[in-house]
Amino acid sequence: MSRIGKKPVTVPSGVTVTVNNDNVITVKGPKGELKQTVDRDIKVEIKDGQVNFVRPTDQIRHRALHGLYRSITSNLVKGVTEGYVRKLELIGVGFKAVSQGNVLDLSLGYSHNIIFEIPKELKVAAVQEKGQNPTITLEGIDKQLIGQVAAKLRGLRKPEPYKGKGVRYVGEVVRKKAGKAAGK
């Protein structure tokens, strides 16, 4: 058995989890509602405030899906109760970020500014404190969406290994390389 798959997902008070005939899990909580389609082979059982997943066989595919859907459902429950936050920092001379509503205006050292539209499900805030690097904060209830948007923002200017300039997650460690060695 999958160690992750056989652990039940505990549903806190104030959260409702339902499964319809098409194997779509709907999680409603104080912060919103999320849905996830589950593979038809995996059975979802809701009893006594816990969600359990049962796989039909020990095939590799079924074992993989067993733990996957348990983890996704756990993330849905955490999202509608607590929510998720992802922070990115811009490291480089002249790098700036300005947010207006759900639109980010990024200055990342290119010849032009980058206008990046954030999905309406997420909240974005760009903060520039004196003496600190500019910080972009993404908030929302969908962990997958926040991770995808954060990865796209990071991909606009990945941290380079020589000076460390670029967009990186707060707390991310970038391994630096030594530059060219001096002449002999």
N, C-alpha and C. Protein backbone atom coordinates (compact mmCIF):
# COMPACT_ATOMS: atom_id res chain seq x y z
N MET A 1 0.84 -1.20 0.00
CA MET A 1 0.00 0.00 0.00
C MET A 1 0.87 1.24 0.00
N SER A 2 0.35 2.28 -0.62
CA SER A 2 1.02 3.57 -0.62
C SER A 2 0.93 4.18 0.77
N ARG A 3 2.08 4.59 1.31
CA ARG A 3 2.06 5.18 2.65
C ARG A 3 1.24 6.46 2.66
N ILE A 4 1.36 7.25 1.61
CA ILE A 4 0.62 8.50 1.55
C ILE A 4 -0.84 8.22 1.23
N GLY A 5 -1.08 7.33 0.27
CA GLY A 5 -2.44 7.05 -0.18
C GLY A 5 -3.35 6.48 0.89
N LYS A 6 -2.80 5.68 1.81
CA LYS A 6 -3.68 5.07 2.81
C LYS A 6 -3.96 5.96 4.01
N LYS A 7 -3.22 7.09 4.14
CA LYS A 7 -3.51 8.04 5.22
C LYS A 7 -4.81 8.77 4.89
N PRO A 8 -5.75 8.84 5.81
CA PRO A 8 -6.98 9.58 5.50
C PRO A 8 -6.74 11.10 5.55
N VAL A 9 -7.54 11.82 4.79
CA VAL A 9 -7.51 13.29 4.82
C VAL A 9 -8.55 13.72 5.83
N THR A 10 -8.13 14.40 6.89
CA THR A 10 -9.05 14.87 7.92
C THR A 10 -9.71 16.16 7.45
N VAL A 11 -11.04 16.19 7.56
CA VAL A 11 -11.80 17.37 7.14
C VAL A 11 -12.12 18.20 8.38
N PRO A 12 -11.57 19.42 8.49
CA PRO A 12 -11.84 20.25 9.67
C PRO A 12 -13.27 20.77 9.67
N SER A 13 -13.73 21.28 10.82
CA SER A 13 -15.09 21.81 10.88
C SER A 13 -15.17 23.07 10.03
N GLY A 14 -16.30 23.27 9.39
CA GLY A 14 -16.49 24.40 8.51
C GLY A 14 -16.15 24.09 7.06
N VAL A 15 -15.68 22.88 6.80
CA VAL A 15 -15.33 22.46 5.44
C VAL A 15 -16.22 21.28 5.06
N THR A 16 -16.78 21.33 3.84
CA THR A 16 -17.58 20.20 3.36
C THR A 16 -16.91 19.62 2.13
N VAL A 17 -16.86 18.29 2.09
CA VAL A 17 -16.27 17.58 0.96
C VAL A 17 -17.35 16.68 0.38
N THR A 18 -17.61 16.81 -0.93
CA THR A 18 -18.60 15.97 -1.59
C THR A 18 -18.00 15.36 -2.85
N VAL A 19 -18.52 14.20 -3.22
CA VAL A 19 -18.09 13.52 -4.44
C VAL A 19 -19.35 13.22 -5.25
N ASN A 20 -19.35 13.61 -6.55
CA ASN A 20 -20.52 13.30 -7.37
C ASN A 20 -20.27 12.03 -8.19
N ASN A 21 -21.23 11.68 -9.05
CA ASN A 21 -21.14 10.42 -9.82
C ASN A 21 -20.01 10.42 -10.84
N ASP A 22 -19.56 11.61 -11.27
CA ASP A 22 -18.48 11.70 -12.24
C ASP A 22 -17.10 11.68 -11.58
N ASN A 23 -17.04 11.33 -10.29
CA ASN A 23 -15.80 11.29 -9.51
C ASN A 23 -15.13 12.67 -9.44
N VAL A 24 -15.91 13.70 -9.21
CA VAL A 24 -15.39 15.05 -9.03
C VAL A 24 -15.52 15.40 -7.56
N ILE A 25 -14.38 15.69 -6.92
CA ILE A 25 -14.39 16.07 -5.50
C ILE A 25 -14.59 17.58 -5.43
N THR A 26 -15.56 18.02 -4.62
CA THR A 26 -15.80 19.44 -4.40
C THR A 26 -15.53 19.74 -2.93
N VAL A 27 -14.65 20.70 -2.67
CA VAL A 27 -14.29 21.08 -1.31
C VAL A 27 -14.72 22.53 -1.10
N LYS A 28 -15.61 22.76 -0.14
CA LYS A 28 -16.08 24.12 0.17
C LYS A 28 -15.62 24.47 1.57
N GLY A 29 -15.10 25.69 1.73
CA GLY A 29 -14.63 26.13 3.03
C GLY A 29 -14.80 27.62 3.18
N PRO A 30 -14.27 28.17 4.26
CA PRO A 30 -14.44 29.60 4.52
C PRO A 30 -13.79 30.50 3.47
N LYS A 31 -12.74 30.03 2.79
CA LYS A 31 -12.04 30.88 1.81
C LYS A 31 -12.54 30.68 0.38
N GLY A 32 -13.34 29.65 0.13
CA GLY A 32 -13.85 29.45 -1.22
C GLY A 32 -14.15 27.99 -1.52
N GLU A 33 -14.21 27.69 -2.81
CA GLU A 33 -14.57 26.35 -3.27
C GLU A 33 -13.59 25.90 -4.34
N LEU A 34 -13.15 24.63 -4.26
CA LEU A 34 -12.25 24.05 -5.25
C LEU A 34 -12.79 22.71 -5.71
N LYS A 35 -12.51 22.35 -6.96
CA LYS A 35 -12.94 21.07 -7.51
C LYS A 35 -11.75 20.34 -8.11
N GLN A 36 -11.81 19.02 -8.06
CA GLN A 36 -10.76 18.18 -8.65
C GLN A 36 -11.38 16.90 -9.18
N THR A 37 -11.10 16.58 -10.43
CA THR A 37 -11.58 15.34 -11.01
C THR A 37 -10.63 14.21 -10.62
N VAL A 38 -11.19 13.10 -10.18
CA VAL A 38 -10.41 11.94 -9.76
C VAL A 38 -10.56 10.86 -10.81
N ASP A 39 -9.49 10.13 -11.08
CA ASP A 39 -9.53 9.03 -12.04
C ASP A 39 -10.64 8.05 -11.66
N ARG A 40 -11.29 7.48 -12.68
CA ARG A 40 -12.46 6.62 -12.39
C ARG A 40 -12.10 5.33 -11.67
N ASP A 41 -10.84 4.91 -11.73
CA ASP A 41 -10.43 3.68 -11.05
C ASP A 41 -10.31 3.86 -9.54
N ILE A 42 -10.00 5.06 -9.09
CA ILE A 42 -9.80 5.32 -7.66
C ILE A 42 -11.15 5.62 -7.01
N LYS A 43 -11.47 4.90 -5.95
CA LYS A 43 -12.73 5.10 -5.23
C LYS A 43 -12.51 6.07 -4.07
N VAL A 44 -13.44 6.99 -3.90
CA VAL A 44 -13.35 7.98 -2.83
C VAL A 44 -14.45 7.69 -1.82
N GLU A 45 -14.06 7.54 -0.55
CA GLU A 45 -15.03 7.27 0.52
C GLU A 45 -14.94 8.37 1.57
N ILE A 46 -16.10 8.93 1.93
CA ILE A 46 -16.15 9.98 2.95
C ILE A 46 -16.93 9.43 4.14
N LYS A 47 -16.25 9.30 5.30
CA LYS A 47 -16.88 8.79 6.52
C LYS A 47 -16.31 9.52 7.71
N ASP A 48 -17.16 9.88 8.64
CA ASP A 48 -16.75 10.44 9.94
C ASP A 48 -15.74 11.59 9.82
N GLY A 49 -15.94 12.49 8.89
CA GLY A 49 -15.05 13.63 8.76
C GLY A 49 -13.68 13.29 8.19
N GLN A 50 -13.60 12.15 7.49
CA GLN A 50 -12.34 11.76 6.87
C GLN A 50 -12.61 11.29 5.45
N VAL A 51 -11.65 11.58 4.57
CA VAL A 51 -11.74 11.15 3.17
C VAL A 51 -10.68 10.09 2.95
N ASN A 52 -11.11 8.92 2.46
CA ASN A 52 -10.19 7.82 2.18
C ASN A 52 -10.21 7.50 0.70
N PHE A 53 -9.07 7.03 0.19
CA PHE A 53 -8.96 6.66 -1.21
C PHE A 53 -8.61 5.18 -1.28
N VAL A 54 -9.30 4.45 -2.18
CA VAL A 54 -9.09 3.02 -2.32
C VAL A 54 -8.76 2.73 -3.77
N ARG A 55 -7.69 1.97 -3.99
CA ARG A 55 -7.32 1.60 -5.36
C ARG A 55 -7.73 0.16 -5.62
N PRO A 56 -8.07 -0.16 -6.88
CA PRO A 56 -8.57 -1.51 -7.16
C PRO A 56 -7.49 -2.59 -7.20
N THR A 57 -6.30 -2.26 -7.72
CA THR A 57 -5.24 -3.27 -7.86
C THR A 57 -3.90 -2.67 -7.42
N ASP A 58 -2.86 -3.48 -7.53
CA ASP A 58 -1.51 -3.02 -7.20
C ASP A 58 -0.71 -2.68 -8.45
N GLN A 59 -1.39 -2.36 -9.55
CA GLN A 59 -0.67 -1.93 -10.75
C GLN A 59 0.10 -0.65 -10.45
N ILE A 60 1.17 -0.43 -11.17
CA ILE A 60 1.99 0.76 -10.95
C ILE A 60 1.16 2.03 -11.13
N ARG A 61 0.32 2.05 -12.16
CA ARG A 61 -0.51 3.23 -12.42
C ARG A 61 -1.45 3.52 -11.25
N HIS A 62 -2.11 2.47 -10.74
CA HIS A 62 -3.03 2.66 -9.62
C HIS A 62 -2.31 3.09 -8.36
N ARG A 63 -1.11 2.54 -8.13
CA ARG A 63 -0.34 2.94 -6.94
C ARG A 63 0.04 4.40 -7.01
N ALA A 64 0.42 4.86 -8.22
CA ALA A 64 0.82 6.25 -8.38
C ALA A 64 -0.37 7.19 -8.17
N LEU A 65 -1.51 6.86 -8.75
CA LEU A 65 -2.70 7.71 -8.63
C LEU A 65 -3.24 7.74 -7.21
N HIS A 66 -3.06 6.63 -6.48
CA HIS A 66 -3.57 6.54 -5.11
C HIS A 66 -3.00 7.65 -4.23
N GLY A 67 -1.68 7.78 -4.21
CA GLY A 67 -1.05 8.82 -3.41
C GLY A 67 -1.26 10.21 -3.98
N LEU A 68 -1.30 10.29 -5.32
CA LEU A 68 -1.47 11.59 -5.97
C LEU A 68 -2.78 12.25 -5.56
N TYR A 69 -3.87 11.53 -5.67
CA TYR A 69 -5.17 12.13 -5.37
C TYR A 69 -5.36 12.40 -3.89
N ARG A 70 -4.71 11.61 -3.05
CA ARG A 70 -4.77 11.89 -1.62
C ARG A 70 -4.06 13.21 -1.33
N SER A 71 -2.89 13.41 -1.93
CA SER A 71 -2.13 14.65 -1.72
C SER A 71 -2.87 15.86 -2.27
N ILE A 72 -3.45 15.72 -3.45
CA ILE A 72 -4.19 16.83 -4.06
C ILE A 72 -5.38 17.21 -3.19
N THR A 73 -6.10 16.22 -2.69
CA THR A 73 -7.26 16.51 -1.84
C THR A 73 -6.83 17.17 -0.54
N SER A 74 -5.72 16.73 0.03
CA SER A 74 -5.20 17.35 1.23
C SER A 74 -4.87 18.82 0.97
N ASN A 75 -4.28 19.11 -0.21
CA ASN A 75 -3.96 20.49 -0.58
C ASN A 75 -5.23 21.32 -0.78
N LEU A 76 -6.29 20.71 -1.32
CA LEU A 76 -7.56 21.43 -1.50
C LEU A 76 -8.14 21.82 -0.14
N VAL A 77 -8.12 20.89 0.81
CA VAL A 77 -8.67 21.17 2.15
C VAL A 77 -7.86 22.27 2.83
N LYS A 78 -6.53 22.19 2.73
CA LYS A 78 -5.70 23.23 3.34
C LYS A 78 -5.92 24.58 2.66
N GLY A 79 -6.13 24.56 1.36
CA GLY A 79 -6.34 25.80 0.61
C GLY A 79 -7.60 26.53 1.01
N VAL A 80 -8.71 25.80 1.20
CA VAL A 80 -9.96 26.48 1.53
C VAL A 80 -10.03 26.86 3.00
N THR A 81 -9.13 26.33 3.84
CA THR A 81 -9.12 26.73 5.25
C THR A 81 -8.07 27.81 5.52
N GLU A 82 -6.83 27.59 5.12
CA GLU A 82 -5.74 28.52 5.41
C GLU A 82 -5.32 29.36 4.21
N GLY A 83 -5.33 28.78 3.03
CA GLY A 83 -4.83 29.46 1.84
C GLY A 83 -3.33 29.26 1.70
N TYR A 84 -2.79 29.71 0.57
CA TYR A 84 -1.37 29.56 0.29
C TYR A 84 -0.76 30.92 -0.05
N VAL A 85 0.50 31.09 0.31
CA VAL A 85 1.24 32.32 0.01
C VAL A 85 2.58 31.93 -0.60
N ARG A 86 2.96 32.61 -1.68
CA ARG A 86 4.26 32.38 -2.30
C ARG A 86 4.92 33.74 -2.52
N LYS A 87 6.18 33.87 -2.10
CA LYS A 87 6.88 35.15 -2.23
C LYS A 87 8.08 34.99 -3.15
N LEU A 88 8.27 36.00 -4.00
CA LEU A 88 9.42 36.05 -4.89
C LEU A 88 10.16 37.36 -4.67
N GLU A 89 11.46 37.35 -4.84
CA GLU A 89 12.22 38.59 -4.71
C GLU A 89 13.00 38.83 -5.99
N LEU A 90 13.14 40.13 -6.33
CA LEU A 90 13.87 40.54 -7.53
C LEU A 90 15.24 41.04 -7.09
N ILE A 91 16.29 40.38 -7.58
CA ILE A 91 17.64 40.75 -7.19
C ILE A 91 18.37 41.25 -8.42
N GLY A 92 18.72 42.52 -8.39
CA GLY A 92 19.45 43.12 -9.50
C GLY A 92 19.29 44.62 -9.46
N VAL A 93 20.26 45.33 -9.98
CA VAL A 93 20.23 46.79 -9.99
C VAL A 93 19.12 47.26 -10.92
N GLY A 94 18.21 48.09 -10.41
CA GLY A 94 17.14 48.63 -11.22
C GLY A 94 15.95 47.72 -11.42
N PHE A 95 15.95 46.53 -10.81
CA PHE A 95 14.81 45.63 -10.94
C PHE A 95 13.67 46.17 -10.10
N LYS A 96 12.48 46.28 -10.71
CA LYS A 96 11.32 46.83 -10.00
C LYS A 96 10.08 46.03 -10.33
N ALA A 97 9.10 46.08 -9.43
CA ALA A 97 7.79 45.47 -9.67
C ALA A 97 6.73 46.41 -9.12
N VAL A 98 5.70 46.67 -9.93
CA VAL A 98 4.59 47.51 -9.52
C VAL A 98 3.31 46.75 -9.83
N SER A 99 2.42 46.64 -8.84
CA SER A 99 1.15 45.94 -9.08
C SER A 99 0.01 46.94 -9.09
N GLN A 100 -0.86 46.80 -10.09
CA GLN A 100 -2.07 47.59 -10.19
C GLN A 100 -3.20 46.61 -10.42
N GLY A 101 -3.98 46.35 -9.36
CA GLY A 101 -5.02 45.32 -9.45
C GLY A 101 -4.34 43.97 -9.60
N ASN A 102 -4.67 43.25 -10.66
CA ASN A 102 -4.06 41.95 -10.91
C ASN A 102 -3.09 42.00 -12.09
N VAL A 103 -2.47 43.16 -12.30
CA VAL A 103 -1.49 43.32 -13.37
C VAL A 103 -0.16 43.73 -12.74
N LEU A 104 0.89 43.00 -13.09
CA LEU A 104 2.23 43.32 -12.61
C LEU A 104 3.02 43.99 -13.73
N ASP A 105 3.66 45.09 -13.40
CA ASP A 105 4.55 45.78 -14.33
C ASP A 105 5.97 45.53 -13.82
N LEU A 106 6.73 44.71 -14.54
CA LEU A 106 8.05 44.29 -14.09
C LEU A 106 9.15 44.94 -14.93
N SER A 107 10.15 45.46 -14.25
CA SER A 107 11.34 45.98 -14.91
C SER A 107 12.49 45.06 -14.50
N LEU A 108 12.93 44.20 -15.43
CA LEU A 108 13.90 43.16 -15.10
C LEU A 108 15.20 43.28 -15.89
N GLY A 109 15.55 44.51 -16.29
CA GLY A 109 16.82 44.70 -16.96
C GLY A 109 16.77 44.51 -18.46
N TYR A 110 15.58 44.27 -19.02
CA TYR A 110 15.45 44.17 -20.47
C TYR A 110 15.22 45.58 -21.02
N SER A 111 15.17 45.72 -22.33
CA SER A 111 14.98 47.03 -22.95
C SER A 111 13.55 47.54 -22.78
N HIS A 112 12.65 46.66 -22.33
CA HIS A 112 11.24 47.02 -22.16
C HIS A 112 10.72 46.46 -20.85
N ASN A 113 9.64 47.04 -20.36
CA ASN A 113 8.99 46.50 -19.16
C ASN A 113 8.13 45.31 -19.57
N ILE A 114 7.95 44.39 -18.64
CA ILE A 114 7.11 43.22 -18.89
C ILE A 114 5.80 43.42 -18.14
N ILE A 115 4.69 43.34 -18.86
CA ILE A 115 3.36 43.43 -18.25
C ILE A 115 2.87 42.00 -18.09
N PHE A 116 2.63 41.59 -16.85
CA PHE A 116 2.24 40.21 -16.54
C PHE A 116 0.87 40.22 -15.86
N GLU A 117 -0.10 39.57 -16.48
CA GLU A 117 -1.45 39.54 -15.91
C GLU A 117 -1.60 38.32 -15.02
N ILE A 118 -1.99 38.55 -13.78
CA ILE A 118 -2.19 37.48 -12.79
C ILE A 118 -3.64 37.00 -12.88
N PRO A 119 -3.89 35.69 -12.80
CA PRO A 119 -5.28 35.20 -12.83
C PRO A 119 -6.12 35.83 -11.70
N LYS A 120 -7.40 35.99 -11.96
CA LYS A 120 -8.28 36.69 -11.01
C LYS A 120 -8.47 35.92 -9.71
N GLU A 121 -8.14 34.63 -9.70
CA GLU A 121 -8.29 33.83 -8.47
C GLU A 121 -7.22 34.17 -7.44
N LEU A 122 -6.14 34.83 -7.87
CA LEU A 122 -5.03 35.13 -6.98
C LEU A 122 -4.98 36.61 -6.65
N LYS A 123 -4.41 36.93 -5.48
CA LYS A 123 -4.14 38.31 -5.11
C LYS A 123 -2.64 38.51 -5.21
N VAL A 124 -2.24 39.68 -5.72
CA VAL A 124 -0.82 39.96 -5.87
C VAL A 124 -0.51 41.29 -5.20
N ALA A 125 0.67 41.35 -4.58
CA ALA A 125 1.14 42.59 -3.97
C ALA A 125 2.63 42.70 -4.25
N ALA A 126 3.05 43.90 -4.68
CA ALA A 126 4.47 44.16 -4.91
C ALA A 126 4.92 45.20 -3.91
N VAL A 127 5.96 44.88 -3.15
CA VAL A 127 6.45 45.78 -2.09
C VAL A 127 7.90 46.13 -2.37
N GLN A 128 8.21 47.42 -2.25
CA GLN A 128 9.59 47.90 -2.40
C GLN A 128 9.95 48.70 -1.16
N GLU A 129 10.73 48.11 -0.26
CA GLU A 129 11.17 48.82 0.94
C GLU A 129 12.60 49.31 0.71
N LYS A 130 12.90 50.45 1.29
CA LYS A 130 14.22 51.04 1.11
C LYS A 130 15.29 50.12 1.69
N GLY A 131 16.31 49.86 0.91
CA GLY A 131 17.40 49.01 1.36
C GLY A 131 17.12 47.52 1.19
N GLN A 132 15.94 47.17 0.70
CA GLN A 132 15.57 45.76 0.50
C GLN A 132 15.32 45.51 -0.98
N ASN A 133 15.37 44.24 -1.37
CA ASN A 133 15.02 43.88 -2.74
C ASN A 133 13.50 43.94 -2.90
N PRO A 134 13.01 44.29 -4.10
CA PRO A 134 11.56 44.28 -4.33
C PRO A 134 11.01 42.87 -4.13
N THR A 135 9.82 42.76 -3.52
CA THR A 135 9.21 41.47 -3.23
C THR A 135 7.82 41.40 -3.85
N ILE A 136 7.52 40.27 -4.47
CA ILE A 136 6.18 40.02 -5.03
C ILE A 136 5.55 38.93 -4.18
N THR A 137 4.32 39.16 -3.68
CA THR A 137 3.61 38.18 -2.86
C THR A 137 2.37 37.72 -3.60
N LEU A 138 2.24 36.41 -3.79
CA LEU A 138 1.06 35.81 -4.41
C LEU A 138 0.26 35.10 -3.33
N GLU A 139 -1.06 35.34 -3.28
CA GLU A 139 -1.93 34.68 -2.31
C GLU A 139 -3.13 34.09 -3.02
N GLY A 140 -3.59 32.93 -2.53
CA GLY A 140 -4.78 32.30 -3.11
C GLY A 140 -5.06 30.99 -2.42
N ILE A 141 -6.09 30.29 -2.93
CA ILE A 141 -6.47 29.02 -2.30
C ILE A 141 -6.03 27.81 -3.12
N ASP A 142 -5.61 28.02 -4.37
CA ASP A 142 -5.24 26.91 -5.25
C ASP A 142 -3.72 26.78 -5.31
N LYS A 143 -3.18 25.75 -4.69
CA LYS A 143 -1.72 25.56 -4.61
C LYS A 143 -1.11 25.38 -5.99
N GLN A 144 -1.79 24.64 -6.86
CA GLN A 144 -1.26 24.38 -8.20
C GLN A 144 -1.15 25.68 -9.00
N LEU A 145 -2.17 26.51 -8.92
CA LEU A 145 -2.19 27.77 -9.67
C LEU A 145 -1.12 28.73 -9.17
N ILE A 146 -0.96 28.83 -7.85
CA ILE A 146 0.07 29.71 -7.29
C ILE A 146 1.45 29.24 -7.72
N GLY A 147 1.70 27.95 -7.66
CA GLY A 147 2.99 27.41 -8.07
C GLY A 147 3.28 27.67 -9.54
N GLN A 148 2.26 27.52 -10.38
CA GLN A 148 2.44 27.73 -11.81
C GLN A 148 2.74 29.19 -12.13
N VAL A 149 1.99 30.11 -11.53
CA VAL A 149 2.21 31.54 -11.78
C VAL A 149 3.58 31.96 -11.24
N ALA A 150 3.95 31.47 -10.05
CA ALA A 150 5.26 31.81 -9.48
C ALA A 150 6.38 31.29 -10.38
N ALA A 151 6.22 30.10 -10.92
CA ALA A 151 7.25 29.54 -11.81
C ALA A 151 7.36 30.36 -13.10
N LYS A 152 6.23 30.85 -13.62
CA LYS A 152 6.28 31.67 -14.83
C LYS A 152 6.98 33.00 -14.55
N LEU A 153 6.68 33.59 -13.38
CA LEU A 153 7.35 34.84 -13.01
C LEU A 153 8.85 34.62 -12.88
N ARG A 154 9.24 33.53 -12.23
CA ARG A 154 10.65 33.22 -12.05
C ARG A 154 11.32 32.98 -13.40
N GLY A 155 10.58 32.37 -14.33
CA GLY A 155 11.12 32.06 -15.65
C GLY A 155 11.37 33.29 -16.51
N LEU A 156 10.80 34.44 -16.14
CA LEU A 156 11.03 35.66 -16.91
C LEU A 156 12.50 36.09 -16.82
N ARG A 157 13.13 35.83 -15.69
CA ARG A 157 14.56 36.13 -15.51
C ARG A 157 15.08 35.21 -14.41
N LYS A 158 15.51 34.01 -14.79
CA LYS A 158 16.00 33.06 -13.79
C LYS A 158 17.28 33.58 -13.16
N PRO A 159 17.53 33.22 -11.89
CA PRO A 159 18.77 33.66 -11.24
C PRO A 159 19.98 33.09 -11.98
N GLU A 160 20.91 33.96 -12.32
CA GLU A 160 22.09 33.47 -13.03
C GLU A 160 23.18 33.11 -12.02
N PRO A 161 24.07 32.17 -12.36
CA PRO A 161 24.98 31.60 -11.36
C PRO A 161 26.20 32.44 -11.01
N TYR A 162 26.47 33.54 -11.73
CA TYR A 162 27.70 34.29 -11.47
C TYR A 162 27.49 35.43 -10.48
N LYS A 163 26.45 36.21 -10.67
CA LYS A 163 26.17 37.29 -9.73
C LYS A 163 24.91 37.03 -8.91
N GLY A 164 24.08 36.08 -9.34
CA GLY A 164 22.85 35.75 -8.61
C GLY A 164 21.69 36.66 -8.95
N LYS A 165 21.83 37.48 -10.02
CA LYS A 165 20.76 38.39 -10.39
C LYS A 165 19.59 37.62 -11.01
N GLY A 166 18.38 38.11 -10.77
CA GLY A 166 17.20 37.50 -11.37
C GLY A 166 16.04 37.44 -10.39
N VAL A 167 15.01 36.70 -10.77
CA VAL A 167 13.82 36.52 -9.92
C VAL A 167 13.97 35.18 -9.23
N ARG A 168 13.87 35.18 -7.89
CA ARG A 168 13.97 33.92 -7.15
C ARG A 168 12.95 33.88 -6.04
N TYR A 169 12.65 32.67 -5.57
CA TYR A 169 11.75 32.51 -4.44
C TYR A 169 12.45 33.01 -3.19
N VAL A 170 11.70 33.55 -2.24
CA VAL A 170 12.29 33.99 -0.98
C VAL A 170 12.81 32.75 -0.26
N GLY A 171 14.06 32.78 0.14
CA GLY A 171 14.66 31.64 0.81
C GLY A 171 15.38 30.68 -0.12
N GLU A 172 15.24 30.86 -1.43
CA GLU A 172 15.91 29.98 -2.38
C GLU A 172 17.41 30.27 -2.37
N VAL A 173 18.21 29.23 -2.39
CA VAL A 173 19.66 29.38 -2.40
C VAL A 173 20.16 29.11 -3.81
N VAL A 174 20.86 30.09 -4.37
CA VAL A 174 21.41 29.94 -5.71
C VAL A 174 22.90 29.66 -5.58
N ARG A 175 23.34 28.52 -6.13
CA ARG A 175 24.77 28.18 -6.07
C ARG A 175 25.52 29.06 -7.05
N LYS A 176 26.52 29.74 -6.55
CA LYS A 176 27.29 30.65 -7.40
C LYS A 176 28.54 29.96 -7.92
N LYS A 177 28.90 30.34 -9.14
CA LYS A 177 30.11 29.80 -9.77
C LYS A 177 31.22 30.83 -9.67
N ALA A 178 32.44 30.36 -9.74
CA ALA A 178 33.57 31.27 -9.77
C ALA A 178 33.69 31.82 -11.19
N GLY A 179 34.14 33.05 -11.31
CA GLY A 179 34.31 33.65 -12.63
C GLY A 179 35.58 33.12 -13.29
N LYS A 180 35.98 33.78 -14.37
CA LYS A 180 37.19 33.36 -15.05
C LYS A 180 38.39 33.54 -14.14
N ALA A 181 39.31 32.62 -14.18
CA ALA A 181 40.53 32.73 -13.38
C ALA A 181 41.43 33.80 -14.00
N ALA A 182 42.21 34.46 -13.17
CA ALA A 182 43.12 35.50 -13.66
C ALA A 182 44.19 34.86 -14.53
N GLY A 183 44.83 35.69 -15.39
CA GLY A 183 45.86 35.18 -16.30
C GLY A 183 47.03 34.56 -15.54
N LYS A 184 47.78 33.69 -16.23
CA LYS A 184 48.88 32.96 -15.58
C LYS A 184 50.00 33.84 -15.26
